[in-house]
Amino acid sequence: MPMPAPEIERLIKARFPDAQIELRDLAGDNDHWAAHVVSAAFKGKSRVQQHQMVYDALGGRMGDVLHALQLTTAVSAD
């Protein structure tokens, strides 16, 4: 079953309450998403670490319920 945007946003916000999240459905199927996540929690972390943090927030749903996520991250200004 595909994962709708509100569920993705809920999971990310649960881990990063300050996150600004932009989601775009790449294929119109709720299964292939582009996400841009901005959070102060990423400060001092490498891009790879930032992405790992978001994947962790999704709780193992990548490759299962969520087939594809084109992810970009950024540190929010304090």
C-alpha atoms as a PDB file:
ATOM      1  CA  MET A   1       0.000   0.000   0.000  1.00  0.00           C
ATOM      2  CA  PRO A   2       1.437   3.420  -0.952  1.00  0.00           C
ATOM      3  CA  MET A   3       2.306   6.030   1.655  1.00  0.00           C
ATOM      4  CA  PRO A   4       0.437   9.353   1.347  1.00  0.00           C
ATOM      5  CA  ALA A   5       2.132  12.696   1.971  1.00  0.00           C
ATOM      6  CA  PRO A   6       0.460  13.379   5.348  1.00  0.00           C
ATOM      7  CA  GLU A   7       1.869  10.126   6.745  1.00  0.00           C
ATOM      8  CA  ILE A   8       5.402  10.913   5.534  1.00  0.00           C
ATOM      9  CA  GLU A   9       5.138  14.398   6.995  1.00  0.00           C
ATOM     10  CA  ARG A  10       3.773  13.067  10.309  1.00  0.00           C
ATOM     11  CA  LEU A  11       6.696  10.642  10.715  1.00  0.00           C
ATOM     12  CA  ILE A  12       9.318  13.271   9.909  1.00  0.00           C
ATOM     13  CA  LYS A  13       7.686  15.898  12.171  1.00  0.00           C
ATOM     14  CA  ALA A  14       7.562  13.382  15.036  1.00  0.00           C
ATOM     15  CA  ARG A  15      11.368  13.222  14.939  1.00  0.00           C
ATOM     16  CA  PHE A  16      12.010  16.830  13.843  1.00  0.00           C
ATOM     17  CA  PRO A  17       9.210  19.059  15.191  1.00  0.00           C
ATOM     18  CA  ASP A  18      10.800  22.182  13.669  1.00  0.00           C
ATOM     19  CA  ALA A  19      11.077  20.637  10.200  1.00  0.00           C
ATOM     20  CA  GLN A  20       9.924  22.453   7.116  1.00  0.00           C
ATOM     21  CA  ILE A  21       8.903  19.749   4.659  1.00  0.00           C
ATOM     22  CA  GLU A  22       8.121  20.002   0.971  1.00  0.00           C
ATOM     23  CA  LEU A  23       6.834  16.825  -0.672  1.00  0.00           C
ATOM     24  CA  ARG A  24       6.236  16.202  -4.359  1.00  0.00           C
ATOM     25  CA  ASP A  25       4.627  13.046  -5.754  1.00  0.00           C
ATOM     26  CA  LEU A  26       6.927  12.176  -8.663  1.00  0.00           C
ATOM     27  CA  ALA A  27       4.719   9.569 -10.341  1.00  0.00           C
ATOM     28  CA  GLY A  28       1.216  10.394  -9.096  1.00  0.00           C
ATOM     29  CA  ASP A  29       1.063   7.090  -7.217  1.00  0.00           C
ATOM     30  CA  ASN A  30       1.867   8.039  -3.574  1.00  0.00           C
ATOM     31  CA  ASP A  31       4.834   5.682  -3.930  1.00  0.00           C
ATOM     32  CA  HIS A  32       7.625   7.776  -5.488  1.00  0.00           C
ATOM     33  CA  TRP A  33       8.334  10.998  -3.620  1.00  0.00           C
ATOM     34  CA  ALA A  34      10.720  13.925  -3.678  1.00  0.00           C
ATOM     35  CA  ALA A  35      11.187  15.457  -0.233  1.00  0.00           C
ATOM     36  CA  HIS A  36      13.040  18.556   0.884  1.00  0.00           C
ATOM     37  CA  VAL A  37      13.477  18.659   4.665  1.00  0.00           C
ATOM     38  CA  VAL A  38      14.898  21.646   6.537  1.00  0.00           C
ATOM     39  CA  SER A  39      15.677  21.345  10.278  1.00  0.00           C
ATOM     40  CA  ALA A  40      18.023  22.795  12.877  1.00  0.00           C
ATOM     41  CA  ALA A  41      18.694  19.186  13.969  1.00  0.00           C
ATOM     42  CA  PHE A  42      20.900  18.781  10.885  1.00  0.00           C
ATOM     43  CA  LYS A  43      23.420  21.385  12.097  1.00  0.00           C
ATOM     44  CA  GLY A  44      26.941  19.959  12.193  1.00  0.00           C
ATOM     45  CA  LYS A  45      25.909  16.779  10.367  1.00  0.00           C
ATOM     46  CA  SER A  46      27.149  15.680   6.958  1.00  0.00           C
ATOM     47  CA  ARG A  47      24.634  15.374   4.124  1.00  0.00           C
ATOM     48  CA  VAL A  48      24.794  11.574   4.473  1.00  0.00           C
ATOM     49  CA  GLN A  49      24.105  11.801   8.213  1.00  0.00           C
ATOM     50  CA  GLN A  50      21.178  14.161   7.564  1.00  0.00           C
ATOM     51  CA  HIS A  51      19.662  11.702   5.100  1.00  0.00           C
ATOM     52  CA  GLN A  52      20.183   8.810   7.520  1.00  0.00           C
ATOM     53  CA  MET A  53      18.356  10.798  10.200  1.00  0.00           C
ATOM     54  CA  VAL A  54      15.341  11.257   7.903  1.00  0.00           C
ATOM     55  CA  TYR A  55      15.362   7.588   6.867  1.00  0.00           C
ATOM     56  CA  ASP A  56      15.488   6.625  10.559  1.00  0.00           C
ATOM     57  CA  ALA A  57      12.489   8.872  11.201  1.00  0.00           C
ATOM     58  CA  LEU A  58      10.577   6.910   8.556  1.00  0.00           C
ATOM     59  CA  GLY A  59      11.026   3.829  10.710  1.00  0.00           C
ATOM     60  CA  GLY A  60      12.116   1.245   8.167  1.00  0.00           C
ATOM     61  CA  ARG A  61       9.344   2.033   5.685  1.00  0.00           C
ATOM     62  CA  MET A  62      11.811   2.800   2.870  1.00  0.00           C
ATOM     63  CA  GLY A  63      11.748   0.067   0.255  1.00  0.00           C
ATOM     64  CA  ASP A  64       8.593  -1.383   1.797  1.00  0.00           C
ATOM     65  CA  VAL A  65       5.586   0.930   2.109  1.00  0.00           C
ATOM     66  CA  LEU A  66       7.587   3.825   0.660  1.00  0.00           C
ATOM     67  CA  HIS A  67       9.173   2.650  -2.569  1.00  0.00           C
ATOM     68  CA  ALA A  68      11.302   5.657  -3.527  1.00  0.00           C
ATOM     69  CA  LEU A  69      12.299   8.910  -1.865  1.00  0.00           C
ATOM     70  CA  GLN A  70      14.392  11.519  -3.652  1.00  0.00           C
ATOM     71  CA  LEU A  71      15.690  13.367  -0.597  1.00  0.00           C
ATOM     72  CA  THR A  72      17.336  16.741  -0.120  1.00  0.00           C
ATOM     73  CA  THR A  73      18.068  18.260   3.280  1.00  0.00           C
ATOM     74  CA  ALA A  74      19.231  21.592   4.639  1.00  0.00           C
ATOM     75  CA  VAL A  75      19.974  23.188   7.995  1.00  0.00           C
ATOM     76  CA  SER A  76      17.452  25.796   9.070  1.00  0.00           C
ATOM     77  CA  ALA A  77      18.688  29.181  10.223  1.00  0.00           C
ATOM     78  CA  ASP A  78      18.613  29.635  13.982  1.00  0.00           C
END
